[in-house]
Structures are given as structure tokens and as C-alpha cells.
């Protein structure tokens, strides 16, 4: 596993990058051809992002 991020600025940068990746994935999907597995992966990405935000809040 990677080294934990404790610097506030690095935490914000990390979250922005993850959100940007999620938005790119969201923008690239085609509603007519999107499989349930794709939606499940996107939900997992959001869950991971939410978990990371909660972890970062504990360092405040």
C-alpha cells in the first residue's frame, strides 16, 4: 500500500485528481451501452473517494 498523505495541500491535490479521473470516466460512458459492471465500478470509485475524504478529515 502507498504512503499515507498527511499534508493538507497534498490531500486536496489527491482528491482533485481522483475526482478529475471520475469525471473523465463519467463523461466517456455511453448510456445506451453502459453495463451494470461499469456503473458498479463508478459507484466504487465514489465510495473510495468518500472514504479518502473521511480519512483526511481525521487529520484536521
PDB file of N, CA and C in Angstrom:
ATOM      1  N   UNK A   1       0.848  -1.165   0.000  1.00  0.00           N
ATOM      2  CA  UNK A   1       0.000   0.000   0.000  1.00  0.00           C
ATOM      3  C   UNK A   1       0.894   1.229   0.000  1.00  0.00           C
ATOM      4  N   UNK A   2       0.389   2.352  -0.522  1.00  0.00           N
ATOM      5  CA  UNK A   2       1.165   3.575  -0.616  1.00  0.00           C
ATOM      6  C   UNK A   2       1.313   4.281   0.716  1.00  0.00           C
ATOM      7  N   UNK A   3       2.205   5.240   0.708  1.00  0.00           N
ATOM      8  CA  UNK A   3       2.472   6.046   1.892  1.00  0.00           C
ATOM      9  C   UNK A   3       1.265   6.950   2.153  1.00  0.00           C
ATOM     10  N   UNK A   4       0.903   7.118   3.429  1.00  0.00           N
ATOM     11  CA  UNK A   4      -0.269   7.937   3.729  1.00  0.00           C
ATOM     12  C   UNK A   4       0.024   9.405   3.470  1.00  0.00           C
ATOM     13  N   UNK A   5      -1.008  10.130   3.115  1.00  0.00           N
ATOM     14  CA  UNK A   5      -0.889  11.548   2.806  1.00  0.00           C
ATOM     15  C   UNK A   5      -1.377  12.334   4.017  1.00  0.00           C
ATOM     16  N   UNK A   6      -0.482  13.082   4.641  1.00  0.00           N
ATOM     17  CA  UNK A   6      -0.886  13.828   5.826  1.00  0.00           C
ATOM     18  C   UNK A   6      -0.829  15.333   5.602  1.00  0.00           C
ATOM     19  N   UNK A   7      -0.163  15.786   4.562  1.00  0.00           N
ATOM     20  CA  UNK A   7      -0.082  17.205   4.243  1.00  0.00           C
ATOM     21  C   UNK A   7      -1.401  17.660   3.612  1.00  0.00           C
ATOM     22  N   UNK A   8      -1.994  18.706   4.170  1.00  0.00           N
ATOM     23  CA  UNK A   8      -3.311  19.179   3.726  1.00  0.00           C
ATOM     24  C   UNK A   8      -3.329  19.502   2.227  1.00  0.00           C
ATOM     25  N   UNK A   9      -2.305  20.165   1.744  1.00  0.00           N
ATOM     26  CA  UNK A   9      -2.249  20.542   0.332  1.00  0.00           C
ATOM     27  C   UNK A   9      -2.187  19.302  -0.560  1.00  0.00           C
ATOM     28  N   UNK A  10      -1.414  18.307  -0.143  1.00  0.00           N
ATOM     29  CA  UNK A  10      -1.315  17.063  -0.915  1.00  0.00           C
ATOM     30  C   UNK A  10      -2.640  16.305  -0.880  1.00  0.00           C
ATOM     31  N   UNK A  11      -3.355  16.389   0.235  1.00  0.00           N
ATOM     32  CA  UNK A  11      -4.658  15.733   0.339  1.00  0.00           C
ATOM     33  C   UNK A  11      -5.636  16.341  -0.664  1.00  0.00           C
ATOM     34  N   UNK A  12      -5.663  17.658  -0.725  1.00  0.00           N
ATOM     35  CA  UNK A  12      -6.575  18.345  -1.650  1.00  0.00           C
ATOM     36  C   UNK A  12      -6.200  18.005  -3.091  1.00  0.00           C
ATOM     37  N   UNK A  13      -4.917  18.010  -3.392  1.00  0.00           N
ATOM     38  CA  UNK A  13      -4.460  17.675  -4.740  1.00  0.00           C
ATOM     39  C   UNK A  13      -4.869  16.248  -5.108  1.00  0.00           C
ATOM     40  N   UNK A  14      -4.677  15.322  -4.180  1.00  0.00           N
ATOM     41  CA  UNK A  14      -5.056  13.925  -4.409  1.00  0.00           C
ATOM     42  C   UNK A  14      -6.549  13.812  -4.705  1.00  0.00           C
ATOM     43  N   UNK A  15      -7.370  14.467  -3.881  1.00  0.00           N
ATOM     44  CA  UNK A  15      -8.825  14.397  -4.074  1.00  0.00           C
ATOM     45  C   UNK A  15      -9.235  15.013  -5.405  1.00  0.00           C
ATOM     46  N   UNK A  16      -8.617  16.124  -5.774  1.00  0.00           N
ATOM     47  CA  UNK A  16      -8.926  16.759  -7.059  1.00  0.00           C
ATOM     48  C   UNK A  16      -8.577  15.837  -8.219  1.00  0.00           C
ATOM     49  N   UNK A  17      -7.425  15.174  -8.125  1.00  0.00           N
ATOM     50  CA  UNK A  17      -7.017  14.262  -9.194  1.00  0.00           C
ATOM     51  C   UNK A  17      -7.982  13.086  -9.312  1.00  0.00           C
ATOM     52  N   UNK A  18      -8.360  12.513  -8.178  1.00  0.00           N
ATOM     53  CA  UNK A  18      -9.303  11.386  -8.194  1.00  0.00           C
ATOM     54  C   UNK A  18     -10.659  11.818  -8.747  1.00  0.00           C
ATOM     55  N   UNK A  19     -11.120  12.997  -8.355  1.00  0.00           N
ATOM     56  CA  UNK A  19     -12.393  13.497  -8.855  1.00  0.00           C
ATOM     57  C   UNK A  19     -12.314  13.751 -10.359  1.00  0.00           C
ATOM     58  N   UNK A  20     -11.195  14.278 -10.813  1.00  0.00           N
ATOM     59  CA  UNK A  20     -10.999  14.517 -12.240  1.00  0.00           C
ATOM     60  C   UNK A  20     -11.066  13.203 -13.026  1.00  0.00           C
ATOM     61  N   UNK A  21     -10.421  12.166 -12.501  1.00  0.00           N
ATOM     62  CA  UNK A  21     -10.470  10.858 -13.148  1.00  0.00           C
ATOM     63  C   UNK A  21     -11.906  10.348 -13.209  1.00  0.00           C
ATOM     64  N   UNK A  22     -12.633  10.481 -12.102  1.00  0.00           N
ATOM     65  CA  UNK A  22     -14.027  10.041 -12.075  1.00  0.00           C
ATOM     66  C   UNK A  22     -14.847  10.793 -13.112  1.00  0.00           C
ATOM     67  N   UNK A  23     -14.659  12.100 -13.198  1.00  0.00           N
ATOM     68  CA  UNK A  23     -15.418  12.896 -14.165  1.00  0.00           C
ATOM     69  C   UNK A  23     -15.085  12.508 -15.598  1.00  0.00           C
ATOM     70  N   UNK A  24     -13.828  12.170 -15.863  1.00  0.00           N
ATOM     71  CA  UNK A  24     -13.455  11.698 -17.202  1.00  0.00           C
ATOM     72  C   UNK A  24     -14.164  10.393 -17.533  1.00  0.00           C
ATOM     73  N   UNK A  25     -14.203   9.485 -16.567  1.00  0.00           N
ATOM     74  CA  UNK A  25     -14.899   8.210 -16.780  1.00  0.00           C
ATOM     75  C   UNK A  25     -16.378   8.460 -17.016  1.00  0.00           C
ATOM     76  N   UNK A  26     -16.973   9.300 -16.205  1.00  0.00           N
ATOM     77  CA  UNK A  26     -18.392   9.627 -16.335  1.00  0.00           C
ATOM     78  C   UNK A  26     -18.691  10.246 -17.694  1.00  0.00           C
ATOM     79  N   UNK A  27     -17.824  11.134 -18.142  1.00  0.00           N
ATOM     80  CA  UNK A  27     -18.017  11.802 -19.424  1.00  0.00           C
ATOM     81  C   UNK A  27     -17.871  10.840 -20.603  1.00  0.00           C
ATOM     82  N   UNK A  28     -17.092   9.791 -20.427  1.00  0.00           N
ATOM     83  CA  UNK A  28     -16.808   8.888 -21.541  1.00  0.00           C
ATOM     84  C   UNK A  28     -17.847   7.779 -21.717  1.00  0.00           C
ATOM     85  N   UNK A  29     -18.731   7.603 -20.755  1.00  0.00           N
ATOM     86  CA  UNK A  29     -19.683   6.494 -20.875  1.00  0.00           C
ATOM     87  C   UNK A  29     -20.807   6.840 -21.843  1.00  0.00           C
ATOM     88  N   UNK A  30     -21.291   5.825 -22.474  1.00  0.00           N
ATOM     89  CA  UNK A  30     -22.444   5.937 -23.363  1.00  0.00           C
ATOM     90  C   UNK A  30     -23.628   5.283 -22.662  1.00  0.00           C
ATOM     91  N   UNK A  31     -24.660   6.053 -22.322  1.00  0.00           N
ATOM     92  CA  UNK A  31     -25.791   5.496 -21.571  1.00  0.00           C
ATOM     93  C   UNK A  31     -26.436   4.277 -22.224  1.00  0.00           C
ATOM     94  N   UNK A  32     -26.448   4.251 -23.539  1.00  0.00           N
ATOM     95  CA  UNK A  32     -27.107   3.152 -24.238  1.00  0.00           C
ATOM     96  C   UNK A  32     -26.335   1.842 -24.138  1.00  0.00           C
ATOM     97  N   UNK A  33     -25.028   1.929 -23.946  1.00  0.00           N
ATOM     98  CA  UNK A  33     -24.207   0.716 -23.968  1.00  0.00           C
ATOM     99  C   UNK A  33     -23.515   0.424 -22.636  1.00  0.00           C
ATOM    100  N   UNK A  34     -23.775   1.224 -21.620  1.00  0.00           N
ATOM    101  CA  UNK A  34     -23.113   1.039 -20.332  1.00  0.00           C
ATOM    102  C   UNK A  34     -23.652  -0.198 -19.631  1.00  0.00           C
ATOM    103  N   UNK A  35     -22.737  -1.035 -19.190  1.00  0.00           N
ATOM    104  CA  UNK A  35     -23.086  -2.266 -18.485  1.00  0.00           C
ATOM    105  C   UNK A  35     -23.224  -1.991 -16.987  1.00  0.00           C
ATOM    106  N   UNK A  36     -23.927  -2.863 -16.310  1.00  0.00           N
ATOM    107  CA  UNK A  36     -24.097  -2.755 -14.872  1.00  0.00           C
ATOM    108  C   UNK A  36     -22.745  -2.762 -14.147  1.00  0.00           C
ATOM    109  N   UNK A  37     -21.797  -3.537 -14.654  1.00  0.00           N
ATOM    110  CA  UNK A  37     -20.462  -3.605 -14.048  1.00  0.00           C
ATOM    111  C   UNK A  37     -19.763  -2.246 -14.109  1.00  0.00           C
ATOM    112  N   UNK A  38     -19.980  -1.510 -15.213  1.00  0.00           N
ATOM    113  CA  UNK A  38     -19.393  -0.172 -15.339  1.00  0.00           C
ATOM    114  C   UNK A  38     -19.967   0.766 -14.282  1.00  0.00           C
ATOM    115  N   UNK A  39     -21.250   0.692 -14.085  1.00  0.00           N
ATOM    116  CA  UNK A  39     -21.906   1.529 -13.069  1.00  0.00           C
ATOM    117  C   UNK A  39     -21.422   1.142 -11.677  1.00  0.00           C
ATOM    118  N   UNK A  40     -21.270  -0.151 -11.439  1.00  0.00           N
ATOM    119  CA  UNK A  40     -20.749  -0.621 -10.152  1.00  0.00           C
ATOM    120  C   UNK A  40     -19.338  -0.090  -9.901  1.00  0.00           C
ATOM    121  N   UNK A  41     -18.503  -0.071 -10.936  1.00  0.00           N
ATOM    122  CA  UNK A  41     -17.144   0.459 -10.789  1.00  0.00           C
ATOM    123  C   UNK A  41     -17.169   1.947 -10.476  1.00  0.00           C
ATOM    124  N   UNK A  42     -18.073   2.676 -11.100  1.00  0.00           N
ATOM    125  CA  UNK A  42     -18.176   4.115 -10.829  1.00  0.00           C
ATOM    126  C   UNK A  42     -18.647   4.364  -9.393  1.00  0.00           C
ATOM    127  N   UNK A  43     -19.584   3.563  -8.942  1.00  0.00           N
ATOM    128  CA  UNK A  43     -20.043   3.677  -7.551  1.00  0.00           C
ATOM    129  C   UNK A  43     -18.893   3.365  -6.600  1.00  0.00           C
ATOM    130  N   UNK A  44     -18.098   2.357  -6.925  1.00  0.00           N
ATOM    131  CA  UNK A  44     -16.943   2.012  -6.091  1.00  0.00           C
ATOM    132  C   UNK A  44     -15.928   3.154  -6.076  1.00  0.00           C
ATOM    133  N   UNK A  45     -15.741   3.817  -7.217  1.00  0.00           N
ATOM    134  CA  UNK A  45     -14.830   4.962  -7.268  1.00  0.00           C
ATOM    135  C   UNK A  45     -15.317   6.072  -6.332  1.00  0.00           C
ATOM    136  N   UNK A  46     -16.612   6.331  -6.354  1.00  0.00           N
ATOM    137  CA  UNK A  46     -17.163   7.364  -5.469  1.00  0.00           C
ATOM    138  C   UNK A  46     -17.054   6.951  -4.000  1.00  0.00           C
ATOM    139  N   UNK A  47     -17.290   5.687  -3.717  1.00  0.00           N
ATOM    140  CA  UNK A  47     -17.142   5.195  -2.344  1.00  0.00           C
ATOM    141  C   UNK A  47     -15.706   5.354  -1.859  1.00  0.00           C
ATOM    142  N   UNK A  48     -14.745   5.018  -2.722  1.00  0.00           N
ATOM    143  CA  UNK A  48     -13.330   5.178  -2.367  1.00  0.00           C
ATOM    144  C   UNK A  48     -12.989   6.643  -2.119  1.00  0.00           C
ATOM    145  N   UNK A  49     -13.519   7.517  -2.953  1.00  0.00           N
ATOM    146  CA  UNK A  49     -13.272   8.952  -2.802  1.00  0.00           C
ATOM    147  C   UNK A  49     -13.867   9.459  -1.490  1.00  0.00           C
ATOM    148  N   UNK A  50     -15.063   9.021  -1.181  1.00  0.00           N
ATOM    149  CA  UNK A  50     -15.703   9.410   0.073  1.00  0.00           C
ATOM    150  C   UNK A  50     -14.912   8.896   1.282  1.00  0.00           C
ATOM    151  N   UNK A  51     -14.439   7.660   1.207  1.00  0.00           N
ATOM    152  CA  UNK A  51     -13.636   7.086   2.282  1.00  0.00           C
ATOM    153  C   UNK A  51     -12.361   7.899   2.492  1.00  0.00           C
ATOM    154  N   UNK A  52     -11.709   8.264   1.406  1.00  0.00           N
ATOM    155  CA  UNK A  52     -10.472   9.034   1.500  1.00  0.00           C
ATOM    156  C   UNK A  52     -10.755  10.411   2.101  1.00  0.00           C
ATOM    157  N   UNK A  53     -11.860  11.027   1.725  1.00  0.00           N
ATOM    158  CA  UNK A  53     -12.222  12.331   2.308  1.00  0.00           C
ATOM    159  C   UNK A  53     -12.420  12.197   3.810  1.00  0.00           C
ATOM    160  N   UNK A  54     -13.095  11.148   4.234  1.00  0.00           N
ATOM    161  CA  UNK A  54     -13.309  10.921   5.666  1.00  0.00           C
ATOM    162  C   UNK A  54     -11.980  10.709   6.390  1.00  0.00           C
ATOM    163  N   UNK A  55     -11.068   9.966   5.773  1.00  0.00           N
ATOM    164  CA  UNK A  55      -9.752   9.744   6.377  1.00  0.00           C
ATOM    165  C   UNK A  55      -9.000  11.060   6.516  1.00  0.00           C
ATOM    166  N   UNK A  56      -9.072  11.908   5.510  1.00  0.00           N
ATOM    167  CA  UNK A  56      -8.372  13.183   5.547  1.00  0.00           C
ATOM    168  C   UNK A  56      -8.960  14.106   6.612  1.00  0.00           C
ATOM    169  N   UNK A  57     -10.274  14.036   6.801  1.00  0.00           N
ATOM    170  CA  UNK A  57     -10.915  14.864   7.824  1.00  0.00           C
ATOM    171  C   UNK A  57     -10.373  14.545   9.216  1.00  0.00           C
ATOM    172  N   UNK A  58     -10.003  13.299   9.439  1.00  0.00           N
ATOM    173  CA  UNK A  58      -9.478  12.888  10.747  1.00  0.00           C
ATOM    174  C   UNK A  58      -8.134  13.538  11.053  1.00  0.00           C
ATOM    175  N   UNK A  59      -7.395  13.958  10.000  1.00  0.00           N
ATOM    176  CA  UNK A  59      -6.094  14.570  10.191  1.00  0.00           C
ATOM    177  C   UNK A  59      -6.192  16.062  10.477  1.00  0.00           C
ATOM    178  N   UNK A  60      -7.384  16.631  10.341  1.00  0.00           N
ATOM    179  CA  UNK A  60      -7.532  18.081  10.558  1.00  0.00           C
ATOM    180  C   UNK A  60      -7.317  18.466  11.981  1.00  0.00           C
TER     181      UNK A  60
END
